[in-house]
Each structure stands twice: as C-alpha cells, then as structure tokens.
C-alpha atoms as a PDB file:
ATOM      1  CA  MET A   1     -94.635-189.921-114.346  1.00  0.00           C
ATOM      2  CA  LYS A   2     -90.874-190.794-113.306  1.00  0.00           C
ATOM      3  CA  LYS A   3     -91.626-194.518-114.375  1.00  0.00           C
ATOM      4  CA  THR A   4     -92.688-193.582-117.754  1.00  0.00           C
ATOM      5  CA  TYR A   5     -89.923-191.241-118.208  1.00  0.00           C
ATOM      6  CA  THR A   6     -87.760-194.330-117.302  1.00  0.00           C
ATOM      7  CA  SER A   7     -89.520-196.609-119.756  1.00  0.00           C
ATOM      8  CA  ILE A   8     -88.943-194.314-122.519  1.00  0.00           C
ATOM      9  CA  ARG A   9     -85.412-194.114-122.179  1.00  0.00           C
ATOM     10  CA  ILE A  10     -84.844-197.497-122.036  1.00  0.00           C
ATOM     11  CA  ALA A  11     -86.871-197.950-125.278  1.00  0.00           C
ATOM     12  CA  LEU A  12     -84.618-195.306-126.881  1.00  0.00           C
ATOM     13  CA  PHE A  13     -81.477-197.010-125.592  1.00  0.00           C
ATOM     14  CA  ALA A  14     -82.712-200.343-127.043  1.00  0.00           C
ATOM     15  CA  ILE A  15     -83.585-198.541-130.581  1.00  0.00           C
ATOM     16  CA  VAL A  16     -79.682-196.947-130.687  1.00  0.00           C
ATOM     17  CA  VAL A  17     -78.230-200.064-129.632  1.00  0.00           C
ATOM     18  CA  PHE A  18     -80.253-202.169-132.102  1.00  0.00           C
ATOM     19  CA  SER A  19     -79.872-199.843-135.058  1.00  0.00           C
ATOM     20  CA  CYS A  20     -76.057-199.957-134.595  1.00  0.00           C
ATOM     21  CA  SER A  21     -75.769-203.943-134.648  1.00  0.00           C
ATOM     22  CA  ASP A  22     -72.755-205.195-136.854  1.00  0.00           C
ATOM     23  CA  ASP A  23     -75.303-206.823-139.589  1.00  0.00           C
ATOM     24  CA  ASP A  24     -75.566-203.510-141.188  1.00  0.00           C
ATOM     25  CA  ASP A  25     -74.638-203.456-144.929  1.00  0.00           C
ATOM     26  CA  SER A  26     -74.202-199.995-145.426  1.00  0.00           C
ATOM     27  CA  SER A  27     -70.888-200.362-143.319  1.00  0.00           C
ATOM     28  CA  TYR A  28     -68.594-200.655-146.547  1.00  0.00           C
ATOM     29  CA  PRO A  29     -68.821-199.009-149.653  1.00  0.00           C
ATOM     30  CA  VAL A  30     -70.644-200.310-152.533  1.00  0.00           C
ATOM     31  CA  TYR A  31     -69.220-199.333-156.179  1.00  0.00           C
ATOM     32  CA  ASP A  32     -71.313-199.818-159.047  1.00  0.00           C
ATOM     33  CA  ARG A  33     -69.840-200.605-162.712  1.00  0.00           C
ATOM     34  CA  GLU A  34     -71.195-200.845-166.082  1.00  0.00           C
ATOM     35  CA  VAL A  35     -69.639-202.733-168.709  1.00  0.00           C
ATOM     36  CA  THR A  36     -70.939-203.456-172.115  1.00  0.00           C
ATOM     37  CA  VAL A  37     -70.157-207.009-173.656  1.00  0.00           C
ATOM     38  CA  ALA A  38     -71.169-208.479-177.366  1.00  0.00           C
ATOM     39  CA  GLN A  39     -73.753-211.103-177.517  1.00  0.00           C
ATOM     40  CA  ASN A  40     -71.925-214.557-177.803  1.00  0.00           C
ATOM     41  CA  ASP A  41     -68.888-212.976-176.668  1.00  0.00           C
ATOM     42  CA  SER A  42     -66.707-212.685-173.346  1.00  0.00           C
ATOM     43  CA  ILE A  43     -65.092-209.985-171.347  1.00  0.00           C
ATOM     44  CA  LEU A  44     -62.844-210.051-168.405  1.00  0.00           C
ATOM     45  CA  VAL A  45     -63.131-206.936-166.142  1.00  0.00           C
ATOM     46  CA  ASP A  46     -60.085-205.671-163.792  1.00  0.00           C
ATOM     47  CA  LEU A  47     -61.216-205.287-160.357  1.00  0.00           C
ATOM     48  CA  GLY A  48     -58.211-203.186-159.090  1.00  0.00           C
ATOM     49  CA  ALA A  49     -55.841-204.420-156.433  1.00  0.00           C
ATOM     50  CA  TYR A  50     -56.632-207.734-154.565  1.00  0.00           C
ATOM     51  CA  PRO A  51     -56.908-207.921-151.080  1.00  0.00           C
ATOM     52  CA  ILE A  52     -53.521-208.371-149.398  1.00  0.00           C
ATOM     53  CA  GLU A  53     -54.956-210.227-146.440  1.00  0.00           C
ATOM     54  CA  GLY A  54     -58.317-211.501-147.495  1.00  0.00           C
ATOM     55  CA  GLY A  55     -59.939-212.275-150.623  1.00  0.00           C
ATOM     56  CA  ARG A  56     -62.847-212.156-152.994  1.00  0.00           C
ATOM     57  CA  GLU A  57     -65.888-214.108-153.964  1.00  0.00           C
ATOM     58  CA  ILE A  58     -68.986-213.639-155.968  1.00  0.00           C
ATOM     59  CA  SER A  59     -71.960-212.729-153.571  1.00  0.00           C
ATOM     60  CA  GLU A  60     -74.480-212.483-155.959  1.00  0.00           C
ATOM     61  CA  GLU A  61     -74.107-214.741-159.455  1.00  0.00           C
ATOM     62  CA  ALA A  62     -75.012-213.348-163.045  1.00  0.00           C
ATOM     63  CA  ARG A  63     -78.404-215.218-163.726  1.00  0.00           C
ATOM     64  CA  HIS A  64     -77.626-215.308-167.541  1.00  0.00           C
ATOM     65  CA  ALA A  65     -73.909-216.187-167.330  1.00  0.00           C
ATOM     66  CA  LYS A  66     -72.669-219.405-169.192  1.00  0.00           C
ATOM     67  CA  THR A  67     -69.521-218.658-167.530  1.00  0.00           C
ATOM     68  CA  SER A  68     -69.268-216.312-164.461  1.00  0.00           C
ATOM     69  CA  GLU A  69     -65.912-216.569-162.522  1.00  0.00           C
ATOM     70  CA  LEU A  70     -63.104-214.758-160.752  1.00  0.00           C
ATOM     71  CA  ARG A  71     -59.655-215.363-162.515  1.00  0.00           C
ATOM     72  CA  ALA A  72     -56.823-214.126-161.040  1.00  0.00           C
ATOM     73  CA  GLY A  73     -58.092-210.357-159.699  1.00  0.00           C
ATOM     74  CA  ASN A  74     -60.482-210.453-162.556  1.00  0.00           C
ATOM     75  CA  TYR A  75     -63.944-211.180-163.674  1.00  0.00           C
ATOM     76  CA  PHE A  76     -64.655-213.480-166.213  1.00  0.00           C
ATOM     77  CA  TYR A  77     -67.963-213.360-167.917  1.00  0.00           C
ATOM     78  CA  LYS A  78     -69.624-215.151-170.905  1.00  0.00           C
ATOM     79  CA  PRO A  79     -73.410-214.971-171.523  1.00  0.00           C
ATOM     80  CA  GLU A  80     -75.303-217.422-172.468  1.00  0.00           C
ATOM     81  CA  ILE A  81     -75.922-217.930-175.996  1.00  0.00           C
ATOM     82  CA  ASP A  82     -78.175-215.676-177.666  1.00  0.00           C
ATOM     83  CA  PHE A  83     -78.736-213.988-174.718  1.00  0.00           C
ATOM     84  CA  MET A  84     -78.920-210.046-175.342  1.00  0.00           C
ATOM     85  CA  CYS A  85     -80.168-207.935-172.529  1.00  0.00           C
ATOM     86  CA  GLU A  86     -78.847-206.673-168.780  1.00  0.00           C
ATOM     87  CA  ASP A  87     -77.098-209.084-166.216  1.00  0.00           C
ATOM     88  CA  GLN A  88     -75.477-208.285-162.990  1.00  0.00           C
ATOM     89  CA  VAL A  89     -73.085-209.719-160.386  1.00  0.00           C
ATOM     90  CA  GLU A  90     -72.061-208.660-156.905  1.00  0.00           C
ATOM     91  CA  ILE A  91     -68.258-209.526-155.928  1.00  0.00           C
ATOM     92  CA  THR A  92     -67.615-208.692-152.267  1.00  0.00           C
ATOM     93  CA  SER A  93     -63.794-208.159-150.981  1.00  0.00           C
ATOM     94  CA  TYR A  94     -62.726-209.537-147.724  1.00  0.00           C
ATOM     95  CA  GLY A  95     -59.952-208.164-145.340  1.00  0.00           C
ATOM     96  CA  SER A  96     -58.563-208.790-142.337  1.00  0.00           C
ATOM     97  CA  THR A  97     -56.317-206.736-139.919  1.00  0.00           C
ATOM     98  CA  GLY A  98     -53.868-209.617-139.293  1.00  0.00           C
ATOM     99  CA  GLY A  99     -55.749-211.848-137.196  1.00  0.00           C
ATOM    100  CA  ASN A 100     -58.444-214.467-137.783  1.00  0.00           C
ATOM    101  CA  ASP A 101     -61.277-212.111-138.199  1.00  0.00           C
ATOM    102  CA  ILE A 102     -62.153-211.771-141.976  1.00  0.00           C
ATOM    103  CA  PHE A 103     -64.970-208.969-142.747  1.00  0.00           C
ATOM    104  CA  PRO A 104     -66.084-207.464-145.799  1.00  0.00           C
ATOM    105  CA  THR A 105     -64.670-204.335-147.087  1.00  0.00           C
ATOM    106  CA  GLY A 106     -66.463-203.631-150.224  1.00  0.00           C
ATOM    107  CA  VAL A 107     -68.880-204.742-152.871  1.00  0.00           C
ATOM    108  CA  VAL A 108     -68.593-204.254-156.939  1.00  0.00           C
ATOM    109  CA  ARG A 109     -71.801-204.615-158.289  1.00  0.00           C
ATOM    110  CA  ILE A 110     -71.094-204.998-162.098  1.00  0.00           C
ATOM    111  CA  THR A 111     -73.777-204.205-164.533  1.00  0.00           C
ATOM    112  CA  LEU A 112     -73.435-206.144-167.832  1.00  0.00           C
ATOM    113  CA  LEU A 113     -75.072-204.781-170.760  1.00  0.00           C
ATOM    114  CA  VAL A 114     -75.118-207.481-173.368  1.00  0.00           C
ATOM    115  CA  SER A 115     -75.996-206.159-176.865  1.00  0.00           C
ATOM    116  CA  VAL A 116     -75.788-207.150-180.496  1.00  0.00           C
ATOM    117  CA  ALA A 117     -72.058-207.054-181.719  1.00  0.00           C
ATOM    118  CA  THR A 118     -71.094-204.720-184.010  1.00  0.00           C
ATOM    119  CA  ASP A 119     -68.595-204.533-186.887  1.00  0.00           C
END
C-alpha cells in the first residue's frame, strides 16, 4: 500500500512539473484586433509603443497579402489583387530585462476584413 501511495505522489509531482514548463504559450497575453480594409487598397495599423529592449516580428504571416510588413512600429498590409474576404496576421513582441535573454511578451492577432470599396 505504501508503494502505491508513493507511486501516486511521484506521478502527481511529474504532472505538475511538466504542466508548468517554459513552453506554455499562455504565459503572455494575446490581443485580438479587427481592421477593415477596402479591396485593392492598403492599410497601416498602429501597434502601440515599441518595446524598449526587444522587438517585434511577424510570427504568422497573412496568407493573402501582396505586402505584409512591419514599418517603424506599425503594420502595413496590402491584399492580393481582387482578394476579398478575411485574412489574419500575428505579430509577436519580445522584451528583455536587460540581459541577453529575450522572451515573448505578447501577441497581437489582427483580423483583416477585406471588403468592396465604398465611395
């Protein structure tokens, strides 16, 4: 009985240790934004303050972009010619506490609604 009890405690300890690993994606916030852009047009999305020690990168590229890039703290998007639907991009921000270790601090997930241009 004592061996069973010890085995159960070891198993529970292992579960706790592995569930608290550093690879947990929920350790930083994900911000969802929705932006509308006219078909065959482009848009510049303000991403807010730029990280002082760190940076940003496009971690999941928009699938229907003619141009998708970061420009001086903003995100620039131009859809493919005649594309009309929904596209999505994810931008990860990285930070540092002053050392060489850079870690993710947040993700901005932008849903781009590409629709017919209205006058």
